[in-house]
N, C-alpha and C. Protein backbone atom coordinates (compact mmCIF):
# COMPACT_ATOMS: atom_id res chain seq x y z
N UNK A 1 50.80 23.06 78.31
CA UNK A 1 50.83 21.80 77.62
C UNK A 1 50.40 20.73 78.60
N UNK A 2 49.54 19.82 78.16
CA UNK A 2 49.10 18.79 79.07
C UNK A 2 50.23 17.78 79.29
N UNK A 3 50.14 17.04 80.38
CA UNK A 3 51.21 16.13 80.79
C UNK A 3 51.45 15.03 79.75
N UNK A 4 50.36 14.54 79.16
CA UNK A 4 50.50 13.47 78.17
C UNK A 4 51.31 13.93 76.98
N UNK A 5 51.00 15.13 76.47
CA UNK A 5 51.73 15.67 75.32
C UNK A 5 53.18 15.93 75.70
N UNK A 6 53.41 16.46 76.89
CA UNK A 6 54.76 16.75 77.36
C UNK A 6 55.57 15.45 77.41
N UNK A 7 54.96 14.39 77.89
CA UNK A 7 55.63 13.09 78.01
C UNK A 7 55.98 12.58 76.61
N UNK A 8 55.02 12.68 75.65
CA UNK A 8 55.28 12.19 74.31
C UNK A 8 56.38 12.99 73.63
N UNK A 9 56.37 14.33 73.82
CA UNK A 9 57.38 15.17 73.20
C UNK A 9 58.75 14.86 73.78
N UNK A 10 58.83 14.71 75.11
CA UNK A 10 60.12 14.48 75.73
C UNK A 10 60.67 13.09 75.44
N UNK A 11 59.82 12.12 75.09
CA UNK A 11 60.26 10.77 74.79
C UNK A 11 60.85 10.66 73.39
N UNK A 12 60.66 11.66 72.57
CA UNK A 12 61.20 11.61 71.21
C UNK A 12 62.72 11.59 71.26
N UNK A 13 63.33 10.65 70.57
CA UNK A 13 64.78 10.58 70.52
C UNK A 13 65.34 11.67 69.61
N UNK A 14 64.56 12.04 68.60
CA UNK A 14 64.99 13.10 67.69
C UNK A 14 63.81 14.04 67.47
N UNK A 15 64.08 15.26 66.99
CA UNK A 15 62.99 16.21 66.77
C UNK A 15 62.12 15.85 65.57
N UNK A 16 62.49 14.84 64.80
CA UNK A 16 61.72 14.44 63.62
C UNK A 16 60.32 14.04 64.07
N UNK A 17 59.31 14.71 63.56
CA UNK A 17 57.93 14.40 63.94
C UNK A 17 57.42 15.20 65.12
N UNK A 18 58.32 15.72 65.93
CA UNK A 18 57.91 16.50 67.10
C UNK A 18 57.13 17.73 66.66
N UNK A 19 57.59 18.37 65.59
CA UNK A 19 56.90 19.58 65.12
C UNK A 19 55.46 19.28 64.72
N UNK A 20 55.22 18.07 64.20
CA UNK A 20 53.85 17.71 63.82
C UNK A 20 52.96 17.54 65.06
N UNK A 21 53.51 17.00 66.12
CA UNK A 21 52.75 16.84 67.36
C UNK A 21 52.44 18.21 67.96
N UNK A 22 53.41 19.11 67.89
CA UNK A 22 53.19 20.47 68.39
C UNK A 22 52.12 21.15 67.53
N UNK A 23 52.21 20.99 66.22
CA UNK A 23 51.22 21.58 65.32
C UNK A 23 49.82 21.05 65.64
N UNK A 24 49.72 19.74 65.90
CA UNK A 24 48.42 19.15 66.25
C UNK A 24 47.89 19.73 67.55
N UNK A 25 48.77 19.92 68.54
CA UNK A 25 48.34 20.49 69.82
C UNK A 25 47.86 21.92 69.65
N UNK A 26 48.57 22.71 68.85
CA UNK A 26 48.17 24.10 68.60
C UNK A 26 46.85 24.12 67.83
N UNK A 27 46.71 23.23 66.85
CA UNK A 27 45.47 23.15 66.07
C UNK A 27 44.29 22.83 66.99
N UNK A 28 44.50 21.94 67.96
CA UNK A 28 43.43 21.61 68.91
C UNK A 28 43.04 22.83 69.72
N UNK A 29 44.03 23.64 70.12
CA UNK A 29 43.74 24.88 70.87
C UNK A 29 42.89 25.84 70.04
N UNK A 30 43.23 25.95 68.75
CA UNK A 30 42.49 26.84 67.86
C UNK A 30 41.04 26.37 67.74
N UNK A 31 40.84 25.07 67.61
CA UNK A 31 39.49 24.52 67.49
C UNK A 31 38.69 24.71 68.78
N UNK A 32 39.35 24.62 69.93
CA UNK A 32 38.68 24.77 71.22
C UNK A 32 38.30 26.22 71.50
N UNK A 33 39.08 27.16 70.98
CA UNK A 33 38.88 28.58 71.29
C UNK A 33 38.51 29.35 70.02
N UNK A 34 37.20 29.52 69.75
CA UNK A 34 36.80 30.23 68.53
C UNK A 34 37.21 31.70 68.51
N UNK A 35 37.56 32.26 69.65
CA UNK A 35 37.98 33.66 69.72
C UNK A 35 39.46 33.85 69.49
N UNK A 36 40.21 32.78 69.37
CA UNK A 36 41.66 32.86 69.19
C UNK A 36 41.96 33.40 67.80
N UNK A 37 42.71 34.50 67.73
CA UNK A 37 43.03 35.11 66.44
C UNK A 37 44.53 35.09 66.14
N UNK A 38 45.35 34.92 67.18
CA UNK A 38 46.80 34.93 67.01
C UNK A 38 47.39 33.70 67.68
N UNK A 39 48.33 33.06 67.01
CA UNK A 39 48.98 31.88 67.58
C UNK A 39 50.03 32.30 68.60
N UNK A 40 50.42 31.39 69.47
CA UNK A 40 51.52 31.71 70.39
C UNK A 40 52.78 32.03 69.57
N UNK A 41 53.68 32.78 70.16
CA UNK A 41 54.92 33.12 69.46
C UNK A 41 55.84 31.91 69.40
N UNK A 42 56.85 31.98 68.56
CA UNK A 42 57.84 30.90 68.48
C UNK A 42 58.51 30.71 69.84
N UNK A 43 58.79 31.82 70.52
CA UNK A 43 59.42 31.73 71.84
C UNK A 43 58.51 31.01 72.84
N UNK A 44 57.19 31.27 72.74
CA UNK A 44 56.24 30.58 73.62
C UNK A 44 56.25 29.08 73.36
N UNK A 45 56.24 28.69 72.09
CA UNK A 45 56.27 27.27 71.75
C UNK A 45 57.58 26.63 72.20
N UNK A 46 58.69 27.34 72.02
CA UNK A 46 60.00 26.82 72.42
C UNK A 46 60.02 26.55 73.92
N UNK A 47 59.49 27.49 74.69
CA UNK A 47 59.48 27.35 76.14
C UNK A 47 58.50 26.26 76.59
N UNK A 48 57.31 26.28 76.04
CA UNK A 48 56.27 25.34 76.47
C UNK A 48 56.61 23.89 76.14
N UNK A 49 57.16 23.65 74.94
CA UNK A 49 57.44 22.29 74.50
C UNK A 49 58.91 21.90 74.61
N UNK A 50 59.73 22.83 75.07
CA UNK A 50 61.17 22.60 75.24
C UNK A 50 61.81 22.11 73.95
N UNK A 51 61.62 22.90 72.90
CA UNK A 51 62.17 22.57 71.58
C UNK A 51 62.95 23.77 71.05
N UNK A 52 63.70 23.52 69.97
CA UNK A 52 64.48 24.58 69.35
C UNK A 52 63.58 25.50 68.52
N UNK A 53 64.12 26.62 68.14
CA UNK A 53 63.39 27.56 67.29
C UNK A 53 63.03 26.91 65.95
N UNK A 54 63.95 26.13 65.41
CA UNK A 54 63.70 25.46 64.14
C UNK A 54 62.49 24.53 64.20
N UNK A 55 62.35 23.80 65.32
CA UNK A 55 61.21 22.89 65.48
C UNK A 55 59.92 23.71 65.58
N UNK A 56 59.96 24.82 66.33
CA UNK A 56 58.77 25.67 66.46
C UNK A 56 58.37 26.24 65.09
N UNK A 57 59.36 26.68 64.31
CA UNK A 57 59.07 27.23 62.98
C UNK A 57 58.52 26.17 62.04
N UNK A 58 59.00 24.94 62.17
CA UNK A 58 58.46 23.85 61.34
C UNK A 58 57.01 23.56 61.73
N UNK A 59 56.68 23.72 63.01
CA UNK A 59 55.29 23.53 63.46
C UNK A 59 54.40 24.60 62.81
N UNK A 60 54.88 25.85 62.77
CA UNK A 60 54.11 26.92 62.11
C UNK A 60 53.93 26.60 60.62
N UNK A 61 54.99 26.11 59.98
CA UNK A 61 54.91 25.77 58.55
C UNK A 61 53.86 24.67 58.33
N UNK A 62 53.81 23.69 59.23
CA UNK A 62 52.81 22.62 59.12
C UNK A 62 51.41 23.18 59.28
N UNK A 63 51.23 24.13 60.21
CA UNK A 63 49.92 24.76 60.40
C UNK A 63 49.52 25.57 59.17
N UNK A 64 50.50 26.23 58.55
CA UNK A 64 50.22 26.99 57.34
C UNK A 64 49.81 26.05 56.21
N UNK A 65 50.52 24.94 56.08
CA UNK A 65 50.21 23.96 55.03
C UNK A 65 48.79 23.41 55.21
N UNK A 66 48.38 23.24 56.47
CA UNK A 66 47.03 22.73 56.78
C UNK A 66 45.95 23.80 56.66
N UNK A 67 46.37 25.05 56.39
CA UNK A 67 45.40 26.14 56.24
C UNK A 67 44.86 26.66 57.56
N UNK A 68 45.59 26.42 58.66
CA UNK A 68 45.15 26.85 59.99
C UNK A 68 45.75 28.20 60.35
N UNK A 69 46.91 28.54 59.77
CA UNK A 69 47.60 29.77 60.15
C UNK A 69 48.27 30.40 58.94
N UNK A 70 48.55 31.71 59.09
CA UNK A 70 49.31 32.43 58.08
C UNK A 70 50.21 33.43 58.78
N UNK A 71 51.39 33.67 58.20
CA UNK A 71 52.30 34.64 58.83
C UNK A 71 51.80 36.07 58.64
N UNK A 72 52.11 36.91 59.60
CA UNK A 72 51.80 38.34 59.50
C UNK A 72 53.11 39.10 59.71
N UNK A 73 53.19 40.33 59.21
CA UNK A 73 54.42 41.10 59.40
C UNK A 73 54.80 41.17 60.88
N UNK A 74 56.08 41.07 61.14
CA UNK A 74 56.56 41.13 62.52
C UNK A 74 56.87 39.77 63.09
N UNK A 75 56.78 38.72 62.28
CA UNK A 75 57.14 37.40 62.74
C UNK A 75 56.06 36.64 63.50
N UNK A 76 54.87 37.19 63.59
CA UNK A 76 53.78 36.51 64.29
C UNK A 76 52.97 35.69 63.30
N UNK A 77 52.06 34.90 63.84
CA UNK A 77 51.18 34.05 63.02
C UNK A 77 49.75 34.28 63.43
N UNK A 78 48.87 34.36 62.44
CA UNK A 78 47.45 34.61 62.67
C UNK A 78 46.68 33.33 62.35
N UNK A 79 45.58 33.14 63.08
CA UNK A 79 44.71 32.00 62.87
C UNK A 79 43.87 32.24 61.61
N UNK A 80 43.75 31.22 60.78
CA UNK A 80 42.90 31.27 59.59
C UNK A 80 41.78 30.26 59.82
N UNK A 81 40.57 30.73 59.76
CA UNK A 81 39.43 29.84 59.97
C UNK A 81 38.73 29.60 58.64
N UNK A 82 38.23 28.38 58.47
CA UNK A 82 37.53 28.01 57.23
C UNK A 82 36.34 28.94 57.02
N UNK A 83 36.15 29.38 55.80
CA UNK A 83 35.02 30.23 55.47
C UNK A 83 35.26 31.71 55.71
N UNK A 84 36.37 32.05 56.35
CA UNK A 84 36.67 33.47 56.58
C UNK A 84 37.59 33.97 55.48
N UNK A 85 37.19 35.05 54.87
CA UNK A 85 38.04 35.65 53.84
C UNK A 85 39.08 36.56 54.47
N UNK A 86 40.26 36.56 53.93
CA UNK A 86 41.32 37.42 54.44
C UNK A 86 41.68 38.41 53.34
N UNK A 87 41.68 39.67 53.68
CA UNK A 87 42.04 40.71 52.73
C UNK A 87 43.56 40.75 52.62
N UNK A 88 44.08 40.35 51.49
CA UNK A 88 45.53 40.24 51.31
C UNK A 88 46.12 41.45 50.57
N UNK A 89 45.33 42.51 50.40
CA UNK A 89 45.85 43.71 49.75
C UNK A 89 46.87 44.38 50.67
N UNK A 90 47.73 45.20 50.11
CA UNK A 90 48.68 45.93 50.95
C UNK A 90 47.95 46.76 52.01
N UNK A 91 48.58 46.91 53.16
CA UNK A 91 47.96 47.62 54.27
C UNK A 91 47.55 49.04 53.90
N UNK A 92 48.36 49.73 53.11
CA UNK A 92 47.99 51.12 52.77
C UNK A 92 46.68 51.17 51.98
N UNK A 93 46.41 50.16 51.17
CA UNK A 93 45.13 50.14 50.44
C UNK A 93 43.96 49.91 51.40
N UNK A 94 44.17 49.01 52.36
CA UNK A 94 43.10 48.74 53.33
C UNK A 94 42.86 49.95 54.22
N UNK A 95 43.93 50.67 54.56
CA UNK A 95 43.77 51.87 55.38
C UNK A 95 43.08 52.97 54.56
N UNK A 96 43.41 53.09 53.28
CA UNK A 96 42.76 54.09 52.43
C UNK A 96 41.26 53.83 52.36
N UNK A 97 40.86 52.56 52.45
CA UNK A 97 39.43 52.22 52.43
C UNK A 97 38.68 52.82 53.62
N UNK A 98 39.40 53.11 54.70
CA UNK A 98 38.76 53.73 55.87
C UNK A 98 38.11 55.05 55.49
N UNK A 99 38.76 55.80 54.60
CA UNK A 99 38.22 57.10 54.16
C UNK A 99 36.87 56.91 53.49
N UNK A 100 36.79 55.92 52.60
CA UNK A 100 35.55 55.67 51.87
C UNK A 100 34.51 55.04 52.80
N UNK A 101 34.92 54.01 53.56
CA UNK A 101 34.00 53.29 54.44
C UNK A 101 33.35 54.19 55.49
N UNK A 102 34.13 55.12 56.03
CA UNK A 102 33.61 56.01 57.08
C UNK A 102 33.15 57.35 56.52
N UNK A 103 33.13 57.46 55.19
CA UNK A 103 32.67 58.66 54.49
C UNK A 103 33.36 59.94 54.99
N UNK A 104 34.69 59.84 55.13
CA UNK A 104 35.46 61.01 55.55
C UNK A 104 35.62 61.95 54.37
N UNK A 105 35.54 63.22 54.62
CA UNK A 105 35.67 64.21 53.56
C UNK A 105 37.04 64.88 53.66
N UNK A 106 37.41 65.58 52.59
CA UNK A 106 38.67 66.29 52.58
C UNK A 106 38.71 67.24 53.77
N UNK A 107 39.83 67.19 54.50
CA UNK A 107 39.99 68.04 55.69
C UNK A 107 39.59 67.35 56.98
N UNK A 108 38.92 66.21 56.91
CA UNK A 108 38.49 65.49 58.11
C UNK A 108 39.68 64.85 58.80
N UNK A 109 39.60 64.77 60.11
CA UNK A 109 40.66 64.11 60.90
C UNK A 109 40.67 62.62 60.58
N UNK A 110 41.87 62.06 60.47
CA UNK A 110 42.02 60.63 60.18
C UNK A 110 42.38 59.90 61.47
N UNK A 111 41.92 58.64 61.64
CA UNK A 111 42.23 57.90 62.87
C UNK A 111 43.75 57.80 63.11
N UNK A 112 44.11 57.70 64.37
CA UNK A 112 45.53 57.64 64.74
C UNK A 112 46.14 56.29 64.38
N UNK A 113 47.48 56.25 64.37
CA UNK A 113 48.19 55.01 64.07
C UNK A 113 47.85 53.94 65.11
N UNK A 114 47.68 54.33 66.36
CA UNK A 114 47.35 53.36 67.41
C UNK A 114 45.98 52.74 67.17
N UNK A 115 45.01 53.55 66.81
CA UNK A 115 43.65 53.06 66.54
C UNK A 115 43.68 52.12 65.33
N UNK A 116 44.40 52.51 64.29
CA UNK A 116 44.48 51.68 63.08
C UNK A 116 45.23 50.38 63.34
N UNK A 117 46.27 50.43 64.17
CA UNK A 117 47.03 49.22 64.50
C UNK A 117 46.12 48.18 65.17
N UNK A 118 45.30 48.67 66.09
CA UNK A 118 44.36 47.76 66.76
C UNK A 118 43.32 47.22 65.78
N UNK A 119 42.82 48.09 64.94
CA UNK A 119 41.77 47.72 63.98
C UNK A 119 42.26 46.66 62.98
N UNK A 120 43.51 46.80 62.50
CA UNK A 120 44.03 45.89 61.49
C UNK A 120 44.90 44.78 62.06
N UNK A 121 45.12 44.80 63.36
CA UNK A 121 45.87 43.73 64.01
C UNK A 121 47.34 43.69 63.63
N UNK A 122 47.94 44.87 63.49
CA UNK A 122 49.36 44.97 63.17
C UNK A 122 50.02 45.95 64.13
N UNK A 123 51.34 46.04 64.07
CA UNK A 123 52.05 46.95 64.97
C UNK A 123 51.91 48.40 64.52
N UNK A 124 52.12 49.32 65.46
CA UNK A 124 52.03 50.75 65.14
C UNK A 124 53.08 51.18 64.11
N UNK A 125 54.34 50.70 64.22
CA UNK A 125 55.31 51.08 63.19
C UNK A 125 54.90 50.61 61.79
N UNK A 126 54.25 49.47 61.69
CA UNK A 126 53.78 48.98 60.39
C UNK A 126 52.72 49.91 59.83
N UNK A 127 51.80 50.37 60.69
CA UNK A 127 50.77 51.31 60.27
C UNK A 127 51.40 52.64 59.86
N UNK A 128 52.39 53.09 60.62
CA UNK A 128 53.05 54.36 60.31
C UNK A 128 53.67 54.33 58.92
N UNK A 129 54.30 53.20 58.55
CA UNK A 129 54.88 53.08 57.21
C UNK A 129 53.79 53.19 56.15
N UNK A 130 52.65 52.53 56.38
CA UNK A 130 51.55 52.58 55.42
C UNK A 130 50.99 54.01 55.33
N UNK A 131 50.88 54.70 56.47
CA UNK A 131 50.39 56.08 56.47
C UNK A 131 51.35 57.00 55.72
N UNK A 132 52.65 56.75 55.88
CA UNK A 132 53.64 57.54 55.15
C UNK A 132 53.47 57.37 53.64
N UNK A 133 53.16 56.15 53.20
CA UNK A 133 52.93 55.90 51.77
C UNK A 133 51.69 56.66 51.29
N UNK A 134 50.66 56.72 52.13
CA UNK A 134 49.44 57.45 51.76
C UNK A 134 49.69 58.95 51.73
N UNK A 135 50.57 59.43 52.61
CA UNK A 135 50.94 60.85 52.56
C UNK A 135 51.70 61.15 51.27
N UNK A 136 52.64 60.27 50.92
CA UNK A 136 53.43 60.46 49.70
C UNK A 136 52.54 60.42 48.46
N UNK A 137 51.48 59.64 48.52
CA UNK A 137 50.55 59.54 47.39
C UNK A 137 49.56 60.70 47.35
N UNK A 138 49.58 61.55 48.38
CA UNK A 138 48.69 62.71 48.40
C UNK A 138 47.31 62.43 48.95
N UNK A 139 47.10 61.27 49.56
CA UNK A 139 45.79 60.93 50.11
C UNK A 139 45.60 61.54 51.49
N UNK A 140 46.67 61.57 52.29
CA UNK A 140 46.61 62.13 53.64
C UNK A 140 47.58 63.29 53.76
N UNK A 141 47.26 64.20 54.68
CA UNK A 141 48.15 65.31 55.00
C UNK A 141 48.61 65.13 56.43
N UNK A 142 49.90 65.27 56.66
CA UNK A 142 50.44 65.10 58.00
C UNK A 142 50.36 66.41 58.75
N UNK A 143 49.98 66.31 60.00
CA UNK A 143 49.95 67.51 60.83
C UNK A 143 51.25 67.71 61.56
N UNK A 144 52.21 66.79 61.38
CA UNK A 144 53.49 66.88 62.08
C UNK A 144 53.47 66.07 63.36
N UNK A 145 54.57 66.13 64.07
CA UNK A 145 54.73 65.36 65.30
C UNK A 145 53.62 65.65 66.31
N UNK A 146 52.89 64.61 66.69
CA UNK A 146 51.84 64.76 67.71
C UNK A 146 50.57 65.42 67.22
N UNK A 147 50.48 65.70 65.95
CA UNK A 147 49.28 66.35 65.41
C UNK A 147 48.49 65.36 64.59
N UNK A 148 47.23 65.64 64.41
CA UNK A 148 46.31 64.75 63.71
C UNK A 148 46.50 64.81 62.20
N UNK A 149 46.56 63.63 61.58
CA UNK A 149 46.58 63.58 60.11
C UNK A 149 45.18 63.91 59.61
N UNK A 150 45.13 64.51 58.43
CA UNK A 150 43.82 64.82 57.84
C UNK A 150 43.74 64.24 56.43
N UNK A 151 42.52 64.11 55.95
CA UNK A 151 42.29 63.59 54.61
C UNK A 151 42.58 64.70 53.62
N UNK A 152 43.43 64.42 52.66
CA UNK A 152 43.77 65.39 51.62
C UNK A 152 42.98 65.12 50.35
N UNK A 153 42.72 63.83 50.05
CA UNK A 153 41.97 63.45 48.86
C UNK A 153 41.23 62.15 49.14
N UNK A 154 40.04 62.02 48.59
CA UNK A 154 39.26 60.79 48.77
C UNK A 154 39.64 59.83 47.65
N UNK A 155 40.17 58.64 48.03
CA UNK A 155 40.57 57.68 46.99
C UNK A 155 39.34 57.11 46.27
N UNK A 156 39.54 56.76 45.03
CA UNK A 156 38.46 56.16 44.23
C UNK A 156 38.69 54.65 44.25
N UNK A 157 37.68 53.92 44.66
CA UNK A 157 37.80 52.47 44.71
C UNK A 157 37.70 51.90 43.30
N UNK A 158 38.61 50.99 43.00
CA UNK A 158 38.54 50.31 41.72
C UNK A 158 37.64 49.10 41.88
N UNK A 159 36.74 48.94 40.98
CA UNK A 159 35.87 47.77 41.02
C UNK A 159 36.64 46.58 40.47
N UNK A 160 36.56 45.48 41.22
CA UNK A 160 37.24 44.26 40.78
C UNK A 160 36.24 43.29 40.22
N UNK A 161 36.62 42.66 39.11
CA UNK A 161 35.71 41.69 38.51
C UNK A 161 35.95 40.31 39.08
């Protein structure tokens, strides 16, 4: 945090409005760094600006209202840029699309949870839950602990109007 912002934040007699100043500072960082995809954590904001968790969360809410950020599973926040579409379908549907997109056939090895977590920008346990749903639906076959999952059935994409 620059010294000027730190001085302004610390001069506030009450936290009222402080969250807006923090939101503006984070928004400026997003605009300066086109490669930024994830916002700092609430703990990072709390430490950097010396504010409570509630103030940090209100800053995130202000960023969401401005269309700059959106929450992701796990309590983190992702940057939303104008003109970029975000796929809001459930993760298991987006993972099932990998089969079609990569033209995987029945019996083909499926990417690991670690690879998918990196690809979709979520945690490995979140991917594992989605993969379990695909196994239950009969789309994937589990090889067991430490073994490669395979494609059991190729999902049919529904055309959306």
